[in-house]
Amino acid sequence: RNLVRSWPGKWPWFFTACHRQIEVGVRKKETLLKQRDKLETLIYASEIYRELREIMSSSSVKLQYDWEISLFLSCSLDPSRRPTPPLSSSSFSSFSSFPSF
């Protein structure tokens, strides 16, 4: 009580300083949350990549994906060159009617 009466002009400065510290703390927390979100996204992406590598290491799946990747690459690089599908051509009857990319 005596401190409040003896320094009446000092309290506005004190509260202003506290308010500034709170603002700085809030900004730091927001920055840390953004960094955490980025880190969680990277961790999630690396987990997906690891799972994809495990799937691709399986030989039967790998052959199918290799064909699909080669189909995609050849169609996107040169639409006139389209590989013949390894399955029966009846399931790909609309294959030749794809529009050019």
C-alpha atoms as a PDB file:
ATOM      1  CA  ARG A   1       0.000   0.000   0.000  1.00  0.00           C
ATOM      2  CA  ASN A   2       2.756   2.440   0.904  1.00  0.00           C
ATOM      3  CA  LEU A   3       4.544   1.563  -2.342  1.00  0.00           C
ATOM      4  CA  VAL A   4       1.456   2.439  -4.378  1.00  0.00           C
ATOM      5  CA  ARG A   5       1.109   5.809  -2.598  1.00  0.00           C
ATOM      6  CA  SER A   6       4.797   6.677  -2.741  1.00  0.00           C
ATOM      7  CA  TRP A   7       5.231   5.925  -6.491  1.00  0.00           C
ATOM      8  CA  PRO A   8       1.946   6.810  -8.159  1.00  0.00           C
ATOM      9  CA  GLY A   9       3.643   7.866 -11.408  1.00  0.00           C
ATOM     10  CA  LYS A  10       5.605   4.602 -11.776  1.00  0.00           C
ATOM     11  CA  TRP A  11       2.653   2.191 -12.097  1.00  0.00           C
ATOM     12  CA  PRO A  12       1.558   3.091 -15.660  1.00  0.00           C
ATOM     13  CA  TRP A  13       5.135   2.421 -16.824  1.00  0.00           C
ATOM     14  CA  PHE A  14       5.148  -0.915 -14.978  1.00  0.00           C
ATOM     15  CA  PHE A  15       1.888  -2.069 -16.576  1.00  0.00           C
ATOM     16  CA  THR A  16       3.043  -0.919 -20.018  1.00  0.00           C
ATOM     17  CA  ALA A  17       6.265  -2.930 -19.599  1.00  0.00           C
ATOM     18  CA  CYS A  18       4.289  -6.004 -18.508  1.00  0.00           C
ATOM     19  CA  HIS A  19       1.941  -5.633 -21.470  1.00  0.00           C
ATOM     20  CA  ARG A  20       4.911  -5.454 -23.861  1.00  0.00           C
ATOM     21  CA  GLN A  21       6.396  -8.609 -22.355  1.00  0.00           C
ATOM     22  CA  ILE A  22       3.060 -10.393 -22.794  1.00  0.00           C
ATOM     23  CA  GLU A  23       2.896  -9.304 -26.458  1.00  0.00           C
ATOM     24  CA  VAL A  24       6.441 -10.569 -27.050  1.00  0.00           C
ATOM     25  CA  GLY A  25       5.548 -13.868 -25.372  1.00  0.00           C
ATOM     26  CA  VAL A  26       2.430 -14.267 -27.526  1.00  0.00           C
ATOM     27  CA  ARG A  27       4.441 -13.617 -30.708  1.00  0.00           C
ATOM     28  CA  LYS A  28       7.069 -16.160 -29.651  1.00  0.00           C
ATOM     29  CA  LYS A  29       4.349 -18.724 -28.946  1.00  0.00           C
ATOM     30  CA  GLU A  30       2.747 -18.134 -32.375  1.00  0.00           C
ATOM     31  CA  THR A  31       6.143 -18.579 -34.051  1.00  0.00           C
ATOM     32  CA  LEU A  32       6.776 -21.793 -32.135  1.00  0.00           C
ATOM     33  CA  LEU A  33       3.337 -23.128 -33.092  1.00  0.00           C
ATOM     34  CA  LYS A  34       4.026 -22.427 -36.779  1.00  0.00           C
ATOM     35  CA  GLN A  35       7.400 -24.179 -36.524  1.00  0.00           C
ATOM     36  CA  ARG A  36       5.734 -27.133 -34.788  1.00  0.00           C
ATOM     37  CA  ASP A  37       3.131 -27.377 -37.557  1.00  0.00           C
ATOM     38  CA  LYS A  38       5.879 -27.386 -40.204  1.00  0.00           C
ATOM     39  CA  LEU A  39       7.788 -30.070 -38.302  1.00  0.00           C
ATOM     40  CA  GLU A  40       4.670 -32.234 -37.934  1.00  0.00           C
ATOM     41  CA  THR A  41       4.018 -31.889 -41.663  1.00  0.00           C
ATOM     42  CA  LEU A  42       7.584 -32.976 -42.465  1.00  0.00           C
ATOM     43  CA  ILE A  43       7.312 -35.954 -40.115  1.00  0.00           C
ATOM     44  CA  TYR A  44       3.999 -36.973 -41.706  1.00  0.00           C
ATOM     45  CA  ALA A  45       5.463 -36.669 -45.205  1.00  0.00           C
ATOM     46  CA  SER A  46       8.503 -38.749 -44.249  1.00  0.00           C
ATOM     47  CA  GLU A  47       6.232 -41.470 -42.811  1.00  0.00           C
ATOM     48  CA  ILE A  48       4.241 -41.574 -46.063  1.00  0.00           C
ATOM     49  CA  TYR A  49       7.494 -41.741 -48.049  1.00  0.00           C
ATOM     50  CA  ARG A  50       8.732 -44.620 -45.876  1.00  0.00           C
ATOM     51  CA  GLU A  51       5.471 -46.532 -46.391  1.00  0.00           C
ATOM     52  CA  LEU A  52       5.646 -45.965 -50.148  1.00  0.00           C
ATOM     53  CA  ARG A  53       9.191 -47.313 -50.234  1.00  0.00           C
ATOM     54  CA  GLU A  54       8.063 -50.435 -48.380  1.00  0.00           C
ATOM     55  CA  ILE A  55       5.205 -50.933 -50.852  1.00  0.00           C
ATOM     56  CA  MET A  56       7.503 -50.391 -53.825  1.00  0.00           C
ATOM     57  CA  SER A  57       9.995 -52.935 -52.481  1.00  0.00           C
ATOM     58  CA  SER A  58       7.413 -55.674 -53.009  1.00  0.00           C
ATOM     59  CA  SER A  59       8.231 -57.118 -56.444  1.00  0.00           C
ATOM     60  CA  SER A  60       4.662 -57.828 -57.639  1.00  0.00           C
ATOM     61  CA  VAL A  61       3.493 -54.343 -56.780  1.00  0.00           C
ATOM     62  CA  LYS A  62       6.683 -52.830 -58.156  1.00  0.00           C
ATOM     63  CA  LEU A  63       6.087 -54.258 -61.629  1.00  0.00           C
ATOM     64  CA  GLN A  64       2.603 -52.768 -61.800  1.00  0.00           C
ATOM     65  CA  TYR A  65       3.787 -49.370 -60.560  1.00  0.00           C
ATOM     66  CA  ASP A  66       6.717 -49.401 -62.971  1.00  0.00           C
ATOM     67  CA  TRP A  67       4.317 -49.866 -65.847  1.00  0.00           C
ATOM     68  CA  GLU A  68       1.984 -47.123 -64.582  1.00  0.00           C
ATOM     69  CA  ILE A  69       4.889 -44.741 -64.078  1.00  0.00           C
ATOM     70  CA  SER A  70       6.240 -45.451 -67.567  1.00  0.00           C
ATOM     71  CA  LEU A  71       2.754 -44.924 -69.001  1.00  0.00           C
ATOM     72  CA  PHE A  72       2.409 -41.604 -67.226  1.00  0.00           C
ATOM     73  CA  LEU A  73       5.868 -40.427 -68.237  1.00  0.00           C
ATOM     74  CA  SER A  74       5.527 -41.453 -71.864  1.00  0.00           C
ATOM     75  CA  CYS A  75       2.066 -39.867 -72.166  1.00  0.00           C
ATOM     76  CA  SER A  76       3.133 -36.642 -70.537  1.00  0.00           C
ATOM     77  CA  LEU A  77       6.412 -36.359 -72.439  1.00  0.00           C
ATOM     78  CA  ASP A  78       5.215 -37.550 -75.843  1.00  0.00           C
ATOM     79  CA  PRO A  79       1.458 -38.078 -76.262  1.00  0.00           C
ATOM     80  CA  SER A  80       1.937 -39.809 -79.626  1.00  0.00           C
ATOM     81  CA  ARG A  81       3.946 -42.622 -78.004  1.00  0.00           C
ATOM     82  CA  ARG A  82       1.695 -44.666 -75.778  1.00  0.00           C
ATOM     83  CA  PRO A  83       2.848 -48.053 -74.480  1.00  0.00           C
ATOM     84  CA  THR A  84       0.611 -51.030 -75.019  1.00  0.00           C
ATOM     85  CA  PRO A  85      -0.963 -52.131 -71.748  1.00  0.00           C
ATOM     86  CA  PRO A  86       0.065 -55.529 -70.375  1.00  0.00           C
ATOM     87  CA  LEU A  87      -3.586 -56.400 -69.650  1.00  0.00           C
ATOM     88  CA  SER A  88      -6.196 -57.291 -72.258  1.00  0.00           C
ATOM     89  CA  SER A  89      -6.880 -54.465 -74.661  1.00  0.00           C
ATOM     90  CA  SER A  90     -10.646 -54.724 -74.155  1.00  0.00           C
ATOM     91  CA  SER A  91     -10.344 -53.134 -70.714  1.00  0.00           C
ATOM     92  CA  PHE A  92      -8.514 -50.251 -72.360  1.00  0.00           C
ATOM     93  CA  SER A  93     -10.907 -49.679 -75.274  1.00  0.00           C
ATOM     94  CA  SER A  94     -11.073 -45.945 -74.576  1.00  0.00           C
ATOM     95  CA  PHE A  95      -7.306 -45.803 -74.168  1.00  0.00           C
ATOM     96  CA  SER A  96      -6.639 -44.470 -77.671  1.00  0.00           C
ATOM     97  CA  SER A  97      -9.300 -41.778 -77.340  1.00  0.00           C
ATOM     98  CA  PHE A  98      -7.448 -39.912 -74.590  1.00  0.00           C
ATOM     99  CA  PRO A  99      -6.971 -36.229 -75.423  1.00  0.00           C
ATOM    100  CA  SER A 100      -3.474 -34.927 -76.006  1.00  0.00           C
ATOM    101  CA  PHE A 101      -1.751 -33.296 -73.069  1.00  0.00           C
END
